[in-house]
Amino acid sequence: MTTFDSTKRSLPELLKDITNGKIQLPNFQRGWVWDDDHVQSLLVSIARSFPVGAVMLMETGGEVRFETRPVEGIDPDSVTKESDQWRPISLAA
């Protein structure tokens, strides 16, 4: 059975998990497409505590294994190599 959890996590906690490789992208996730103006608008919205959409996390494990890759801009050599800690994400804003 699939379960969903809407637990709130702080932005610094999410960024730390992205930086150390605990959160990675599934290999099928498309690349980054936003320009600098869109990124700036998103950061302003976050700073003003406006709702900005959702981050969906998919825990690893089970029968299906997805190839993963670090979030763009993260050095692949600096991330955790233990695959059981990877949690691929898909961003929906």
N, C-alpha and C. Protein backbone atom coordinates (compact mmCIF):
# COMPACT_ATOMS: atom_id res chain seq x y z
N MET A 1 0.84 -1.18 0.00
CA MET A 1 0.00 0.00 0.00
C MET A 1 0.88 1.24 0.00
N THR A 2 0.53 2.22 -0.79
CA THR A 2 1.27 3.47 -0.87
C THR A 2 0.77 4.42 0.20
N THR A 3 1.69 5.12 0.85
CA THR A 3 1.30 6.12 1.84
C THR A 3 1.90 7.46 1.47
N PHE A 4 1.24 8.51 1.88
CA PHE A 4 1.71 9.86 1.63
C PHE A 4 1.89 10.56 2.97
N ASP A 5 2.89 11.42 3.05
CA ASP A 5 3.18 12.15 4.27
C ASP A 5 3.39 13.60 3.89
N SER A 6 2.68 14.49 4.55
CA SER A 6 2.83 15.92 4.23
C SER A 6 3.60 16.65 5.33
N THR A 7 4.57 15.98 5.91
CA THR A 7 5.39 16.57 6.95
C THR A 7 6.13 17.79 6.42
N LYS A 8 6.11 18.85 7.20
CA LYS A 8 6.84 20.06 6.81
C LYS A 8 8.30 19.90 7.22
N ARG A 9 9.20 20.27 6.30
CA ARG A 9 10.64 20.26 6.57
C ARG A 9 11.17 21.64 6.25
N SER A 10 12.14 22.07 7.02
CA SER A 10 12.69 23.41 6.81
C SER A 10 13.53 23.44 5.53
N LEU A 11 13.60 24.61 4.93
CA LEU A 11 14.40 24.78 3.72
C LEU A 11 15.87 24.47 3.98
N PRO A 12 16.47 24.95 5.10
CA PRO A 12 17.88 24.59 5.35
C PRO A 12 18.08 23.07 5.45
N GLU A 13 17.12 22.35 6.03
CA GLU A 13 17.24 20.90 6.14
C GLU A 13 17.20 20.25 4.76
N LEU A 14 16.30 20.69 3.89
CA LEU A 14 16.22 20.16 2.53
C LEU A 14 17.51 20.45 1.76
N LEU A 15 18.01 21.68 1.87
CA LEU A 15 19.24 22.04 1.16
C LEU A 15 20.43 21.23 1.65
N LYS A 16 20.50 20.97 2.95
CA LYS A 16 21.59 20.15 3.49
C LYS A 16 21.51 18.74 2.91
N ASP A 17 20.30 18.15 2.86
CA ASP A 17 20.13 16.81 2.31
C ASP A 17 20.45 16.76 0.82
N ILE A 18 20.19 17.83 0.09
CA ILE A 18 20.54 17.89 -1.33
C ILE A 18 22.06 17.98 -1.48
N THR A 19 22.68 18.82 -0.67
CA THR A 19 24.13 19.02 -0.75
C THR A 19 24.91 17.75 -0.44
N ASN A 20 24.47 16.99 0.58
CA ASN A 20 25.23 15.79 0.95
C ASN A 20 24.80 14.54 0.18
N GLY A 21 23.79 14.67 -0.70
CA GLY A 21 23.40 13.56 -1.55
C GLY A 21 22.31 12.67 -1.00
N LYS A 22 21.77 13.00 0.18
CA LYS A 22 20.66 12.19 0.70
C LYS A 22 19.42 12.36 -0.18
N ILE A 23 19.28 13.51 -0.79
CA ILE A 23 18.21 13.76 -1.76
C ILE A 23 18.86 13.93 -3.12
N GLN A 24 18.45 13.10 -4.06
CA GLN A 24 18.96 13.19 -5.43
C GLN A 24 17.78 13.12 -6.39
N LEU A 25 18.06 13.35 -7.64
CA LEU A 25 17.03 13.28 -8.68
C LEU A 25 17.00 11.90 -9.30
N PRO A 26 15.80 11.42 -9.66
CA PRO A 26 15.77 10.21 -10.46
C PRO A 26 16.36 10.52 -11.82
N ASN A 27 17.01 9.56 -12.42
CA ASN A 27 17.69 9.79 -13.69
C ASN A 27 16.74 10.23 -14.81
N PHE A 28 15.45 9.91 -14.67
CA PHE A 28 14.48 10.29 -15.71
C PHE A 28 13.97 11.72 -15.54
N GLN A 29 14.32 12.39 -14.44
CA GLN A 29 13.87 13.77 -14.20
C GLN A 29 14.52 14.69 -15.22
N ARG A 30 13.72 15.58 -15.82
CA ARG A 30 14.28 16.53 -16.79
C ARG A 30 15.26 17.48 -16.13
N GLY A 31 16.09 18.10 -16.92
CA GLY A 31 17.08 19.04 -16.42
C GLY A 31 16.47 20.37 -16.02
N TRP A 32 17.30 21.23 -15.49
CA TRP A 32 16.89 22.54 -15.02
C TRP A 32 16.48 23.41 -16.21
N VAL A 33 15.30 24.09 -16.11
CA VAL A 33 14.84 24.89 -17.24
C VAL A 33 14.52 26.34 -16.88
N TRP A 34 14.58 26.70 -15.61
CA TRP A 34 14.24 28.07 -15.21
C TRP A 34 15.40 29.02 -15.48
N ASP A 35 15.03 30.25 -15.88
CA ASP A 35 16.05 31.29 -16.03
C ASP A 35 16.22 32.02 -14.69
N ASP A 36 17.18 32.92 -14.63
CA ASP A 36 17.50 33.60 -13.37
C ASP A 36 16.32 34.40 -12.81
N ASP A 37 15.50 35.00 -13.67
CA ASP A 37 14.35 35.78 -13.18
C ASP A 37 13.34 34.89 -12.45
N HIS A 38 13.11 33.69 -12.97
CA HIS A 38 12.18 32.77 -12.30
C HIS A 38 12.75 32.29 -10.96
N VAL A 39 14.04 32.02 -10.93
CA VAL A 39 14.68 31.60 -9.68
C VAL A 39 14.58 32.72 -8.65
N GLN A 40 14.84 33.96 -9.07
CA GLN A 40 14.76 35.10 -8.16
C GLN A 40 13.33 35.25 -7.62
N SER A 41 12.34 35.11 -8.47
CA SER A 41 10.95 35.21 -8.02
C SER A 41 10.60 34.12 -7.01
N LEU A 42 11.10 32.92 -7.23
CA LEU A 42 10.86 31.83 -6.29
C LEU A 42 11.49 32.14 -4.93
N LEU A 43 12.73 32.62 -4.93
CA LEU A 43 13.41 32.95 -3.67
C LEU A 43 12.70 34.08 -2.93
N VAL A 44 12.18 35.06 -3.65
CA VAL A 44 11.42 36.14 -3.02
C VAL A 44 10.15 35.57 -2.39
N SER A 45 9.47 34.69 -3.09
CA SER A 45 8.26 34.06 -2.54
C SER A 45 8.56 33.28 -1.27
N ILE A 46 9.66 32.52 -1.29
CA ILE A 46 10.05 31.75 -0.10
C ILE A 46 10.36 32.70 1.05
N ALA A 47 11.12 33.77 0.78
CA ALA A 47 11.49 34.72 1.82
C ALA A 47 10.27 35.41 2.42
N ARG A 48 9.22 35.57 1.65
CA ARG A 48 7.99 36.21 2.14
C ARG A 48 6.99 35.20 2.70
N SER A 49 7.39 33.94 2.76
CA SER A 49 6.55 32.85 3.29
C SER A 49 5.28 32.63 2.47
N PHE A 50 5.36 32.89 1.16
CA PHE A 50 4.23 32.60 0.28
C PHE A 50 4.24 31.11 -0.05
N PRO A 51 3.07 30.52 -0.29
CA PRO A 51 3.06 29.12 -0.75
C PRO A 51 3.71 29.03 -2.12
N VAL A 52 4.56 28.01 -2.32
CA VAL A 52 5.30 27.91 -3.58
C VAL A 52 5.16 26.55 -4.26
N GLY A 53 4.21 25.76 -3.85
CA GLY A 53 4.06 24.46 -4.48
C GLY A 53 4.49 23.35 -3.57
N ALA A 54 4.93 22.26 -4.13
CA ALA A 54 5.26 21.08 -3.34
C ALA A 54 6.56 20.46 -3.81
N VAL A 55 7.22 19.81 -2.89
CA VAL A 55 8.37 18.97 -3.21
C VAL A 55 7.95 17.55 -2.91
N MET A 56 7.99 16.71 -3.90
CA MET A 56 7.61 15.31 -3.70
C MET A 56 8.86 14.47 -3.56
N LEU A 57 8.96 13.74 -2.46
CA LEU A 57 10.09 12.86 -2.22
C LEU A 57 9.65 11.42 -2.39
N MET A 58 10.47 10.63 -3.04
CA MET A 58 10.20 9.22 -3.25
C MET A 58 11.28 8.43 -2.53
N GLU A 59 10.90 7.66 -1.52
CA GLU A 59 11.88 6.89 -0.78
C GLU A 59 12.36 5.70 -1.62
N THR A 60 13.62 5.36 -1.45
CA THR A 60 14.19 4.24 -2.19
C THR A 60 13.84 2.94 -1.50
N GLY A 61 14.09 1.86 -2.18
CA GLY A 61 13.80 0.53 -1.64
C GLY A 61 12.70 -0.13 -2.45
N GLY A 62 12.41 -1.35 -2.12
CA GLY A 62 11.39 -2.08 -2.85
C GLY A 62 11.95 -2.74 -4.09
N GLU A 63 11.06 -3.20 -4.93
CA GLU A 63 11.46 -3.96 -6.11
C GLU A 63 12.04 -3.10 -7.22
N VAL A 64 11.50 -1.90 -7.40
CA VAL A 64 11.93 -1.04 -8.51
C VAL A 64 13.08 -0.15 -8.04
N ARG A 65 14.18 -0.19 -8.77
CA ARG A 65 15.35 0.64 -8.45
C ARG A 65 15.56 1.66 -9.56
N PHE A 66 15.49 2.93 -9.22
CA PHE A 66 15.73 3.99 -10.19
C PHE A 66 17.19 4.43 -10.10
N GLU A 67 17.79 4.68 -11.25
CA GLU A 67 19.11 5.30 -11.27
C GLU A 67 18.92 6.74 -10.78
N THR A 68 19.91 7.24 -10.06
CA THR A 68 19.81 8.59 -9.53
C THR A 68 21.01 9.43 -9.95
N ARG A 69 20.85 10.73 -9.77
CA ARG A 69 21.93 11.67 -10.04
C ARG A 69 21.77 12.84 -9.09
N PRO A 70 22.87 13.50 -8.72
CA PRO A 70 22.75 14.67 -7.83
C PRO A 70 21.96 15.79 -8.49
N VAL A 71 21.38 16.63 -7.68
CA VAL A 71 20.71 17.83 -8.17
C VAL A 71 21.76 18.67 -8.90
N GLU A 72 21.35 19.32 -9.98
CA GLU A 72 22.29 20.10 -10.79
C GLU A 72 22.99 21.14 -9.92
N GLY A 73 24.31 21.24 -10.12
CA GLY A 73 25.12 22.17 -9.36
C GLY A 73 25.82 21.53 -8.17
N ILE A 74 25.48 20.29 -7.84
CA ILE A 74 26.12 19.56 -6.76
C ILE A 74 27.21 18.69 -7.35
N ASP A 75 28.39 18.73 -6.77
CA ASP A 75 29.52 17.93 -7.23
C ASP A 75 29.24 16.45 -6.96
N PRO A 76 29.16 15.62 -8.01
CA PRO A 76 28.86 14.20 -7.81
C PRO A 76 29.85 13.48 -6.91
N ASP A 77 31.09 13.96 -6.85
CA ASP A 77 32.10 13.32 -6.02
C ASP A 77 31.94 13.64 -4.53
N SER A 78 31.08 14.62 -4.21
CA SER A 78 30.93 15.03 -2.81
C SER A 78 29.71 14.43 -2.13
N VAL A 79 28.90 13.67 -2.87
CA VAL A 79 27.65 13.16 -2.29
C VAL A 79 27.85 11.79 -1.66
N THR A 80 26.93 11.45 -0.78
CA THR A 80 26.94 10.15 -0.12
C THR A 80 26.76 9.05 -1.15
N LYS A 81 27.57 8.00 -1.05
CA LYS A 81 27.52 6.93 -2.04
C LYS A 81 26.60 5.78 -1.62
N GLU A 82 26.07 5.80 -0.40
CA GLU A 82 25.22 4.71 0.08
C GLU A 82 23.84 4.84 -0.54
N SER A 83 23.49 3.93 -1.45
CA SER A 83 22.26 4.05 -2.22
C SER A 83 21.01 3.97 -1.35
N ASP A 84 21.09 3.33 -0.16
CA ASP A 84 19.90 3.25 0.68
C ASP A 84 19.55 4.60 1.30
N GLN A 85 20.43 5.58 1.20
CA GLN A 85 20.14 6.91 1.73
C GLN A 85 19.59 7.84 0.65
N TRP A 86 19.68 7.45 -0.61
CA TRP A 86 19.20 8.32 -1.68
C TRP A 86 17.70 8.36 -1.68
N ARG A 87 17.16 9.55 -1.81
CA ARG A 87 15.73 9.72 -1.93
C ARG A 87 15.48 10.62 -3.14
N PRO A 88 15.27 10.03 -4.29
CA PRO A 88 15.05 10.86 -5.48
C PRO A 88 13.86 11.79 -5.28
N ILE A 89 13.92 12.96 -5.89
CA ILE A 89 12.82 13.91 -5.76
C ILE A 89 12.35 14.34 -7.14
N SER A 90 11.14 14.80 -7.17
CA SER A 90 10.61 15.45 -8.35
C SER A 90 9.98 16.74 -7.86
N LEU A 91 10.33 17.86 -8.44
CA LEU A 91 9.80 19.13 -7.99
C LEU A 91 8.56 19.49 -8.78
N ALA A 92 7.52 19.87 -8.08
CA ALA A 92 6.30 20.35 -8.71
C ALA A 92 5.96 21.69 -8.10
N ALA A 93 6.03 22.74 -8.89
CA ALA A 93 5.74 24.08 -8.36
C ALA A 93 4.58 24.70 -9.10
